Amino acid sequence: MNTRMIALTAALAALIFANPAQAPSAQDAPAEHKWDGKTLAIHEWGTFTSVQGSDGVVLDGLRHHEKDLPDFVHDLTDFANVTGVSPKMETPVIYFYSPNAARASVEVKMPRGVLTQWYPAASFANHGGMMVNGAPEPASGREITQLKDGYLRWGFMNDLRVLAPGATDDVVASDAKGGTDKTNALLPAVAKDDPWRFCREVDANTLRACSLNAARKADANGAAQRVVNEYEKCLFYRGLGNFALPLDIKVVAEHVGNATARLTLRLKNSNPGQTLKHLLFVHNQGGIMSWAYQPELREGAHELSFTAKDRETALHEMGEVLVKALVAEGLFTKEARAMVNTWEHGYFREEGLRVLYVLPTELIDRELPLSISMDSKRVDPAAIKRVFVARTDVITPSREKHLDGVVAAVATGDETARKAGLEEIDRWGRFATPFLQRVIRRTNNEAVKAEAEKRLEAMKVRR
C-alpha cells in the first residue's frame, strides 16, 4: 500500500455506530466509569482522517486551516505564514486526572508530519526548530512540501501547571520581580453553539500555561501585567501527516433511492498481524442514513452490505452505543459523552460515506510518540490511555459524478452556474483538495481539468 497523506483529529465520537441487532442497546449501558480521585490517569483521544475514491485510490490534500476552532487557538499560520496545507491531522486532546497539583512537561512527536494548531500555549513547535512561544519566525514565501519531524512541547520552560482537582483559583506570578497574586483560573469564553465546549464537560484537572507572545504584546501596549496565562481542561493539538492507514475500501455496488440505500464494500486489512476493531460504516445522503457495524477485521478481504434507517433514530441509537464502546476502550463516561456531543455536529451529520475503526496502539505509538513527566518524574506509560480511530471518507460513484458536474459548471457554465459551483467548492472545506484531485483523475475534459488545477494551486502550503 502506498504511503498516503492523512489527517489526525480529536474526534473519537466516530468510533462505533452499531445496528441494534448486532451491538448492545442503550439499556445495556454499564454503570458510569469515572476517575477514582486517587490514582493518576492521563487520557488521550483522537482521529486520523483520510479520503479514498470509490476504487480505493487514496487522495492527498486534506487542509487544516478551517473556521471550526475558537479564535484563541494557536495556529502555525501565526508564526510561519502558512496559508494552506495538503493533508490533514485533526484534533487530539490530552486530559490529566491528578490527585495533587503538579508541574508537567509533555512532548508529542509526529515523525512523518507537522503540528499545525494547539492550545494552550506550547513552549516549542515543529518545522525547523521553530519557537512558537516567542518571537514569530519571518515568512520566507517558500512552499512547505515535506511533512516530517513534527513536535510540540509544553512545560519545557517550567510553565505547564496541573491545578489541584476542582480548583477554580490559581497563584501566579504578578510581575517580573517574583511577586505572586491569586487569580481566577478562567477558561476562555466560547459561544453557546461552539462544539469546543463539550471537551470541558469532564472531571479532568484544569491546566495552565504561560503565553509569552501574549505577555510581550501586552507589555508593548503598555499593560502592567507581564505574565499572561492560558487555562483549559486539556491539551489540544492538530496536525498533518504522511503515512499509511491499514484499511483499503472499494465500493463494489451502490443504489440510493428515495427512501432506501444499499452499498456493498470490499474491505482489506493490509496490516498483517493486527486486528482492526469496532468498524463502523455510515452512509448519509439526502436525509437517508445507512449504517452497519462489524466488531473486528483481521487479514484478508471482506464484503459488507447495509441498508437504510431513519436518520434521527439512527443518530440517537448509535450515540448511545458509541458511549458504551468508548468506555470499553478505556475512556471515562463523561469523556465518551463529550466526544459523542462534539462530533454529532460534524461526523454524524456530514453527507457522504465514511468508515471508522479503532487503530492498533502500536500504530499510534509509532506515528505519534508521546512522553509525559510530572514534577520531573517520567509518567509510567501504563497510566496513559490513548484511544484513536481512523476515519476514511469514501467518495461513492454517485458522489464522484456530482463533483465532476460542480467543477464543470465552474469551468464551462454560465455566470449563474459558475457562481453556484464556486459556492459549493467553498463548502467542501477541508475536503476540497482531495475532491478536486478526484475530478482531475476522472475527467477527459481539458477545461474541467484546468479549472480543478487552478483551484488546487490556490490551496498549496506556503510560508
Protein backbone atom coordinates (compact mmCIF):
# COMPACT_ATOMS: atom_id res chain seq x y z
CA MET A 1 0.00 0.00 0.00
CA ASN A 2 1.35 3.43 -0.94
CA THR A 3 2.24 5.95 1.72
CA ARG A 4 -0.62 8.40 1.96
CA MET A 5 -1.44 11.79 3.38
CA ILE A 6 -3.81 11.56 6.31
CA ALA A 7 -5.30 13.71 9.00
CA LEU A 8 -5.50 13.41 12.76
CA THR A 9 -8.48 14.62 14.84
CA ALA A 10 -9.53 14.50 18.42
CA ALA A 11 -12.79 13.08 17.32
CA LEU A 12 -13.37 9.80 18.94
CA ALA A 13 -17.04 10.38 18.67
CA ALA A 14 -16.98 8.49 15.45
CA LEU A 15 -15.78 5.21 16.88
CA ILE A 16 -18.74 2.88 16.52
CA PHE A 17 -22.22 3.11 15.14
CA ALA A 18 -23.94 -0.19 15.53
CA ASN A 19 -27.05 -1.89 14.27
CA PRO A 20 -29.09 -2.68 17.43
CA ALA A 21 -29.34 -6.28 16.28
CA GLN A 22 -25.56 -6.56 16.31
CA ALA A 23 -24.46 -4.39 19.23
CA PRO A 24 -25.56 -3.63 22.80
CA SER A 25 -28.57 -1.39 23.18
CA ALA A 26 -28.74 1.71 25.37
CA GLN A 27 -30.37 -0.37 28.13
CA ASP A 28 -27.19 -2.44 28.33
CA ALA A 29 -25.05 0.60 29.11
CA PRO A 30 -22.65 -0.01 32.02
CA ALA A 31 -22.53 1.94 35.25
CA GLU A 32 -20.72 5.26 34.95
CA HIS A 33 -16.99 4.80 34.60
CA LYS A 34 -15.09 7.65 36.18
CA TRP A 35 -11.82 8.65 37.79
CA ASP A 36 -11.30 7.28 41.30
CA GLY A 37 -9.83 10.59 42.53
CA LYS A 38 -6.73 8.87 43.91
CA THR A 39 -4.70 7.37 41.06
CA LEU A 40 -3.01 9.40 38.35
CA ALA A 41 -4.67 8.85 34.97
CA ILE A 42 -3.92 10.54 31.66
CA HIS A 43 -6.30 10.03 28.74
CA GLU A 44 -5.84 10.99 25.11
CA TRP A 45 -8.26 10.59 22.23
CA GLY A 46 -8.00 11.49 18.56
CA THR A 47 -8.84 10.62 14.97
CA PHE A 48 -6.81 10.13 11.80
CA THR A 49 -8.72 11.10 8.66
CA SER A 50 -8.12 10.13 5.04
CA VAL A 51 -10.08 10.22 1.78
CA GLN A 52 -10.38 7.49 -0.86
CA GLY A 53 -12.05 7.31 -4.24
CA SER A 54 -14.66 4.66 -4.93
CA ASP A 55 -11.90 2.46 -6.42
CA GLY A 56 -9.80 2.63 -3.25
CA VAL A 57 -7.28 5.20 -4.53
CA VAL A 58 -6.10 7.36 -1.64
CA LEU A 59 -6.43 11.11 -2.23
CA ASP A 60 -3.97 13.53 -0.64
CA GLY A 61 -4.73 17.08 0.29
CA LEU A 62 -6.86 17.45 3.41
CA ARG A 63 -6.45 21.02 4.67
CA HIS A 64 -6.01 22.02 8.30
CA HIS A 65 -6.95 25.67 8.10
CA GLU A 66 -10.66 25.88 8.85
CA LYS A 67 -13.11 28.03 10.75
CA ASP A 68 -14.09 25.27 13.14
CA LEU A 69 -11.89 26.35 16.08
CA PRO A 70 -12.18 29.28 18.51
CA ASP A 71 -10.03 32.33 17.80
CA PHE A 72 -7.86 31.72 20.87
CA VAL A 73 -6.35 28.51 19.45
CA HIS A 74 -2.72 28.96 18.36
CA ASP A 75 -2.04 28.32 14.69
CA LEU A 76 1.11 27.74 12.67
CA THR A 77 -0.10 30.48 10.32
CA ASP A 78 0.61 32.98 13.11
CA PHE A 79 4.29 32.06 13.09
CA ALA A 80 5.18 30.84 9.61
CA ASN A 81 2.61 32.39 7.25
CA VAL A 82 1.20 29.01 6.27
CA THR A 83 -1.81 29.76 4.07
CA GLY A 84 -2.98 26.22 3.47
CA VAL A 85 -1.92 22.62 3.93
CA SER A 86 -2.08 19.46 1.89
CA PRO A 87 -3.10 16.53 4.15
CA LYS A 88 -4.94 16.68 7.47
CA MET A 89 -4.42 15.51 11.01
CA GLU A 90 -7.13 16.63 13.39
CA THR A 91 -7.54 17.43 17.00
CA PRO A 92 -6.17 15.09 19.65
CA VAL A 93 -6.71 16.16 23.26
CA ILE A 94 -4.93 15.07 26.43
CA TYR A 95 -6.66 15.07 29.84
CA PHE A 96 -4.88 14.94 33.22
CA TYR A 97 -6.53 13.35 36.27
CA SER A 98 -4.18 14.02 39.18
CA PRO A 99 -4.99 13.91 42.91
CA ASN A 100 -2.48 16.72 43.51
CA ALA A 101 -1.31 19.90 41.84
CA ALA A 102 1.86 19.36 39.84
CA ARG A 103 4.17 20.75 37.21
CA ALA A 104 4.11 18.78 33.99
CA SER A 105 6.02 18.54 30.74
CA VAL A 106 4.59 16.98 27.61
CA GLU A 107 6.20 16.20 24.27
CA VAL A 108 4.30 14.77 21.32
CA LYS A 109 6.15 13.94 18.11
CA MET A 110 4.97 13.25 14.57
CA PRO A 111 7.97 11.86 12.68
CA ARG A 112 6.02 11.81 9.41
CA GLY A 113 4.08 15.04 9.84
CA VAL A 114 3.89 18.53 11.34
CA LEU A 115 1.74 20.04 14.09
CA THR A 116 -0.38 22.97 12.96
CA GLN A 117 -2.71 24.10 15.78
CA TRP A 118 -2.66 23.83 19.57
CA TYR A 119 -3.95 25.23 22.86
CA PRO A 120 -2.88 26.30 25.44
CA ALA A 121 0.46 27.88 24.53
CA ALA A 122 3.25 25.39 23.79
CA SER A 123 6.89 26.11 24.51
CA PHE A 124 8.18 24.91 21.14
CA ALA A 125 6.75 23.57 17.90
CA ASN A 126 7.92 21.85 14.75
CA HIS A 127 9.30 22.83 11.39
CA GLY A 128 12.97 23.62 11.59
CA GLY A 129 13.02 24.02 15.36
CA MET A 130 10.64 26.96 15.19
CA MET A 131 9.97 28.57 18.56
CA VAL A 132 6.31 29.49 18.75
CA ASN A 133 6.11 30.86 22.27
CA GLY A 134 8.36 33.77 21.50
CA ALA A 135 9.11 35.99 18.51
CA PRO A 136 7.47 34.72 15.29
CA GLU A 137 9.71 33.45 12.53
CA PRO A 138 9.58 35.73 9.46
CA ALA A 139 7.78 34.34 6.42
CA SER A 140 10.08 33.31 3.57
CA GLY A 141 7.47 32.69 0.87
CA ARG A 142 8.61 29.15 0.13
CA GLU A 143 6.19 26.27 -0.14
CA ILE A 144 6.17 23.61 2.58
CA THR A 145 6.37 20.30 0.74
CA GLN A 146 7.89 17.95 3.31
CA LEU A 147 5.82 16.92 6.30
CA LYS A 148 8.21 15.42 8.82
CA ASP A 149 9.83 15.76 12.25
CA GLY A 150 6.83 17.49 13.81
CA TYR A 151 6.65 18.04 17.54
CA LEU A 152 5.05 20.12 20.27
CA ARG A 153 6.48 20.66 23.72
CA TRP A 154 4.60 22.00 26.71
CA GLY A 155 6.22 22.76 30.04
CA PHE A 156 9.83 22.83 28.91
CA MET A 157 10.17 26.28 30.45
CA ASN A 158 8.53 25.12 33.69
CA ASP A 159 5.28 26.78 32.61
CA LEU A 160 2.73 23.92 32.39
CA ARG A 161 0.85 23.60 35.66
CA VAL A 162 -1.73 20.95 36.60
CA LEU A 163 -4.03 22.61 39.13
CA ALA A 164 -5.48 20.70 42.07
CA PRO A 165 -8.71 18.77 41.39
CA GLY A 166 -11.68 21.13 41.17
CA ALA A 167 -9.51 24.23 41.65
CA THR A 168 -11.01 27.46 40.31
CA ASP A 169 -8.27 29.75 41.65
CA ASP A 170 -4.56 29.86 40.87
CA VAL A 171 -1.49 31.51 42.37
CA VAL A 172 0.50 33.12 39.59
CA ALA A 173 3.44 35.44 39.05
CA SER A 174 2.26 39.05 39.05
CA ASP A 175 5.42 40.80 37.86
CA ALA A 176 8.96 40.23 36.66
CA LYS A 177 10.39 40.61 40.20
CA GLY A 178 8.94 37.39 41.60
CA GLY A 179 5.71 38.73 43.02
CA THR A 180 2.63 36.48 43.13
CA ASP A 181 -1.07 37.00 43.10
CA LYS A 182 -4.22 34.91 43.43
CA THR A 183 -6.41 34.86 40.34
CA ASN A 184 -9.37 33.03 38.88
CA ALA A 185 -8.42 30.14 36.58
CA LEU A 186 -10.84 31.25 33.89
CA LEU A 187 -11.25 29.23 30.73
CA PRO A 188 -11.56 31.32 27.55
CA ALA A 189 -15.14 32.01 26.57
CA VAL A 190 -16.76 30.17 23.66
CA ALA A 191 -20.14 30.63 22.02
CA LYS A 192 -23.09 28.57 23.24
CA ASP A 193 -23.22 26.67 19.97
CA ASP A 194 -19.46 26.06 19.75
CA PRO A 195 -18.64 22.31 19.93
CA TRP A 196 -15.41 23.22 21.79
CA ARG A 197 -17.45 23.50 24.99
CA PHE A 198 -18.06 19.74 25.11
CA CYS A 199 -14.38 18.91 25.73
CA ARG A 200 -14.74 20.72 29.08
CA GLU A 201 -17.59 18.55 30.36
CA VAL A 202 -15.23 16.16 32.17
CA ASP A 203 -13.68 15.77 35.63
CA ALA A 204 -10.10 16.43 34.50
CA ASN A 205 -7.79 18.94 36.21
CA THR A 206 -7.56 22.44 34.81
CA LEU A 207 -4.21 23.16 33.11
CA ARG A 208 -2.29 26.44 33.00
CA ALA A 209 0.40 27.51 30.53
CA CYS A 210 2.18 30.84 30.14
CA SER A 211 1.85 32.60 26.79
CA LEU A 212 4.99 34.66 26.26
CA ASN A 213 3.64 36.04 22.99
CA ALA A 214 0.57 37.43 24.74
CA ALA A 215 2.75 38.82 27.52
CA ARG A 216 5.03 40.59 25.05
CA LYS A 217 2.03 42.02 23.24
CA ALA A 218 0.52 43.25 26.49
CA ASP A 219 3.80 44.83 27.52
CA ALA A 220 4.14 46.56 24.14
CA ASN A 221 0.70 48.06 24.61
CA GLY A 222 1.69 49.48 27.96
CA ALA A 223 -0.15 46.92 30.10
CA ALA A 224 1.10 46.45 33.64
CA GLN A 225 0.81 42.66 33.62
CA ARG A 226 3.93 40.99 32.21
CA VAL A 227 2.71 37.40 32.62
CA VAL A 228 -0.26 36.11 30.64
CA ASN A 229 -1.58 32.64 31.50
CA GLU A 230 -3.92 30.42 29.49
CA TYR A 231 -6.23 27.88 31.12
CA GLU A 232 -8.02 24.85 29.68
CA LYS A 233 -9.25 21.39 30.71
CA CYS A 234 -6.99 19.65 28.19
CA LEU A 235 -4.02 19.98 25.88
CA PHE A 236 -5.37 20.31 22.36
CA TYR A 237 -3.42 19.90 19.13
CA ARG A 238 -3.94 19.24 15.44
CA GLY A 239 -1.62 18.50 12.54
CA LEU A 240 -0.82 16.88 9.21
CA GLY A 241 0.75 13.53 8.47
CA ASN A 242 2.08 11.44 5.60
CA PHE A 243 1.77 7.73 6.33
CA ALA A 244 -0.42 4.76 5.52
CA LEU A 245 -3.60 3.63 7.24
CA PRO A 246 -4.24 -0.13 7.29
CA LEU A 247 -7.71 -0.37 5.68
CA ASP A 248 -8.38 -0.35 1.92
CA ILE A 249 -12.02 0.20 0.88
CA LYS A 250 -13.69 -0.17 -2.52
CA VAL A 251 -17.32 0.44 -3.44
CA VAL A 252 -18.50 -2.68 -5.27
CA ALA A 253 -22.14 -1.62 -5.73
CA GLU A 254 -24.28 1.39 -4.87
CA HIS A 255 -28.01 2.02 -5.02
CA VAL A 256 -29.67 5.08 -3.46
CA GLY A 257 -33.41 5.57 -3.92
CA ASN A 258 -35.95 7.98 -2.48
CA ALA A 259 -36.13 6.20 0.86
CA THR A 260 -33.58 3.40 0.65
CA ALA A 261 -29.86 3.00 0.22
CA ARG A 262 -27.76 -0.09 -0.34
CA LEU A 263 -23.98 -0.22 -0.59
CA THR A 264 -21.59 -3.13 -0.96
CA LEU A 265 -17.99 -2.54 0.09
CA ARG A 266 -14.88 -4.65 -0.31
CA LEU A 267 -12.57 -4.29 2.70
CA LYS A 268 -8.96 -5.32 3.01
CA ASN A 269 -6.87 -5.14 6.17
CA SER A 270 -3.34 -4.73 4.85
CA ASN A 271 -1.66 -4.70 8.25
CA PRO A 272 -0.55 -8.28 8.91
CA GLY A 273 -0.89 -9.48 12.46
CA GLN A 274 -3.01 -6.56 13.74
CA THR A 275 -6.77 -6.74 14.09
CA LEU A 276 -8.85 -3.65 13.35
CA LYS A 277 -11.62 -3.22 15.92
CA HIS A 278 -15.10 -1.71 16.03
CA LEU A 279 -15.64 -0.92 12.37
CA LEU A 280 -18.50 1.48 11.77
CA PHE A 281 -19.92 2.09 8.30
CA VAL A 282 -22.06 5.20 7.82
CA HIS A 283 -23.69 6.46 4.64
CA ASN A 284 -25.63 9.74 4.90
CA GLN A 285 -27.22 11.10 1.75
CA GLY A 286 -30.33 13.19 1.22
CA GLY A 287 -31.65 12.58 4.73
CA ILE A 288 -31.21 8.80 4.46
CA MET A 289 -28.70 7.28 6.90
CA SER A 290 -27.42 3.75 6.36
CA TRP A 291 -25.13 2.15 8.88
CA ALA A 292 -23.64 -1.16 9.90
CA TYR A 293 -21.21 -2.44 12.50
CA GLN A 294 -18.53 -5.11 12.38
CA PRO A 295 -16.71 -5.95 15.64
CA GLU A 296 -13.32 -6.64 14.05
CA LEU A 297 -11.46 -7.17 10.80
CA ARG A 298 -8.46 -9.43 10.52
CA GLU A 299 -6.26 -10.00 7.49
CA GLY A 300 -7.78 -10.51 4.08
CA ALA A 301 -10.65 -9.06 2.03
CA HIS A 302 -14.29 -8.94 3.11
CA GLU A 303 -17.57 -7.76 1.64
CA LEU A 304 -20.35 -5.99 3.54
CA SER A 305 -23.76 -4.71 2.52
CA PHE A 306 -26.03 -2.47 4.56
CA THR A 307 -29.39 -0.75 4.23
CA ALA A 308 -31.03 2.48 5.36
CA LYS A 309 -32.64 3.70 8.60
CA ASP A 310 -34.36 6.90 9.67
CA ARG A 311 -31.55 9.40 10.34
CA GLU A 312 -32.76 10.88 13.64
CA THR A 313 -33.45 7.45 15.11
CA ALA A 314 -30.04 6.25 13.96
CA LEU A 315 -28.28 9.26 15.47
CA HIS A 316 -29.76 8.57 18.90
CA GLU A 317 -29.13 4.84 18.85
CA MET A 318 -25.59 4.99 17.65
CA GLY A 319 -24.76 7.78 20.07
CA GLU A 320 -25.73 5.56 22.98
CA VAL A 321 -23.87 2.57 21.56
CA LEU A 322 -20.85 4.76 20.92
CA VAL A 323 -20.67 5.83 24.56
CA LYS A 324 -20.50 2.22 25.65
CA ALA A 325 -17.86 1.43 23.03
CA LEU A 326 -15.64 4.32 24.08
CA VAL A 327 -15.89 3.32 27.72
CA ALA A 328 -14.95 -0.24 26.76
CA GLU A 329 -11.84 1.15 25.06
CA GLY A 330 -10.78 2.89 28.29
CA LEU A 331 -12.33 6.36 28.33
CA PHE A 332 -14.38 7.68 31.22
CA THR A 333 -18.12 8.01 30.62
CA LYS A 334 -18.07 11.81 30.64
CA GLU A 335 -15.25 11.79 28.08
CA ALA A 336 -17.23 9.44 25.87
CA ARG A 337 -20.35 11.60 26.06
CA ALA A 338 -18.29 14.71 25.37
CA MET A 339 -16.97 13.08 22.22
CA VAL A 340 -20.41 12.00 21.04
CA ASN A 341 -21.77 15.50 21.59
CA THR A 342 -18.79 17.11 19.84
CA TRP A 343 -18.96 15.04 16.71
CA GLU A 344 -22.70 14.82 16.20
CA HIS A 345 -22.27 18.30 14.70
CA GLY A 346 -19.70 17.05 12.20
CA TYR A 347 -19.11 13.36 11.63
CA PHE A 348 -22.67 12.18 12.23
CA ARG A 349 -24.47 14.67 10.03
CA GLU A 350 -21.98 15.19 7.21
CA GLU A 351 -23.10 13.92 3.82
CA GLY A 352 -21.20 11.02 2.33
CA LEU A 353 -19.84 7.55 3.09
CA ARG A 354 -17.28 7.01 5.83
CA VAL A 355 -15.77 4.07 7.67
CA LEU A 356 -14.44 4.41 11.21
CA TYR A 357 -12.44 1.92 13.22
CA VAL A 358 -10.17 1.74 16.26
CA LEU A 359 -6.49 1.86 15.38
CA PRO A 360 -3.96 -0.52 16.94
CA THR A 361 -1.99 1.00 19.80
CA GLU A 362 1.25 0.03 18.08
CA LEU A 363 0.43 2.32 15.14
CA ILE A 364 -0.38 5.28 17.38
CA ASP A 365 2.78 4.92 19.44
CA ARG A 366 4.86 4.66 16.27
CA GLU A 367 3.35 7.58 14.37
CA LEU A 368 2.64 9.85 17.34
CA PRO A 369 5.13 9.15 20.17
CA LEU A 370 4.11 10.76 23.47
CA SER A 371 6.15 11.34 26.62
CA ILE A 372 4.91 12.99 29.82
CA SER A 373 6.65 13.92 33.08
CA MET A 374 5.12 15.28 36.28
CA ASP A 375 7.26 17.00 38.90
CA SER A 376 10.33 15.91 36.92
CA LYS A 377 9.43 12.21 37.02
CA ARG A 378 8.55 10.29 33.87
CA VAL A 379 4.93 9.08 33.92
CA ASP A 380 4.56 5.32 33.66
CA PRO A 381 3.07 4.57 30.21
CA ALA A 382 0.57 2.28 31.98
CA ALA A 383 -1.05 5.41 33.42
CA ILE A 384 -1.62 6.84 29.93
CA LYS A 385 -4.57 5.63 27.86
CA ARG A 386 -4.57 6.56 24.17
CA VAL A 387 -7.70 5.82 22.13
CA PHE A 388 -7.60 6.76 18.44
CA VAL A 389 -9.78 5.91 15.48
CA ALA A 390 -9.28 6.15 11.76
CA ARG A 391 -11.90 7.90 9.69
CA THR A 392 -11.83 7.11 5.98
CA ASP A 393 -14.23 9.08 3.80
CA VAL A 394 -15.01 7.19 0.62
CA ILE A 395 -16.29 9.07 -2.42
CA THR A 396 -19.06 6.89 -3.86
CA PRO A 397 -19.62 6.66 -7.64
CA SER A 398 -22.70 8.90 -7.48
CA ARG A 399 -20.81 11.50 -5.43
CA GLU A 400 -17.92 11.42 -7.90
CA LYS A 401 -20.31 12.23 -10.75
CA HIS A 402 -21.70 15.12 -8.71
CA LEU A 403 -18.21 16.53 -8.05
CA ASP A 404 -17.42 16.32 -11.75
CA GLY A 405 -20.56 18.31 -12.50
CA VAL A 406 -19.76 21.03 -9.99
CA VAL A 407 -16.30 21.73 -11.44
CA ALA A 408 -17.69 21.52 -14.98
CA ALA A 409 -20.26 24.19 -14.08
CA VAL A 410 -17.47 26.49 -12.89
CA ALA A 411 -15.36 25.83 -15.98
CA THR A 412 -17.97 25.87 -18.74
CA GLY A 413 -21.29 27.07 -17.31
CA ASP A 414 -23.00 30.46 -17.44
CA GLU A 415 -22.49 33.06 -14.72
CA THR A 416 -25.24 31.66 -12.50
CA ALA A 417 -23.93 28.09 -12.76
CA ARG A 418 -20.38 29.26 -12.20
CA LYS A 419 -21.31 31.18 -9.05
CA ALA A 420 -23.25 28.22 -7.64
CA GLY A 421 -20.33 25.90 -8.38
CA LEU A 422 -17.79 28.15 -6.66
CA GLU A 423 -20.04 28.39 -3.60
CA GLU A 424 -20.26 24.60 -3.38
CA ILE A 425 -16.49 24.16 -3.75
CA ASP A 426 -16.08 26.60 -0.86
CA ARG A 427 -18.44 24.44 1.23
CA TRP A 428 -16.23 21.39 0.61
CA GLY A 429 -13.89 22.88 3.23
CA ARG A 430 -11.09 20.53 4.25
CA PHE A 431 -12.16 18.04 1.58
CA ALA A 432 -11.78 20.48 -1.33
CA THR A 433 -8.29 19.37 -2.32
CA PRO A 434 -8.96 15.58 -2.45
CA PHE A 435 -12.28 16.20 -4.20
CA LEU A 436 -10.55 18.30 -6.86
CA GLN A 437 -7.83 15.68 -7.23
CA ARG A 438 -10.52 13.09 -7.88
CA VAL A 439 -12.10 15.26 -10.58
CA ILE A 440 -8.71 15.66 -12.31
CA ARG A 441 -8.14 11.91 -12.21
CA ARG A 442 -11.55 11.15 -13.77
CA THR A 443 -12.15 13.85 -16.36
CA ASN A 444 -11.24 13.88 -20.06
CA ASN A 445 -12.36 17.49 -20.42
CA GLU A 446 -9.31 19.76 -20.57
CA ALA A 447 -11.29 22.83 -19.45
CA VAL A 448 -12.57 21.00 -16.38
CA LYS A 449 -9.09 19.69 -15.58
CA ALA A 450 -7.59 23.18 -15.92
CA GLU A 451 -10.25 24.64 -13.61
CA ALA A 452 -9.60 21.98 -10.95
CA GLU A 453 -5.84 22.54 -11.18
CA LYS A 454 -6.36 26.29 -10.82
CA ARG A 455 -8.34 25.74 -7.62
CA LEU A 456 -5.67 23.36 -6.27
CA GLU A 457 -2.86 25.84 -6.92
CA ALA A 458 -4.53 28.35 -4.60
CA MET A 459 -4.55 25.78 -1.77
CA LYS A 460 -0.83 24.96 -1.64
CA VAL A 461 1.11 25.21 1.60
CA ARG A 462 3.34 28.26 1.71
CA ARG A 463 5.43 30.07 4.27
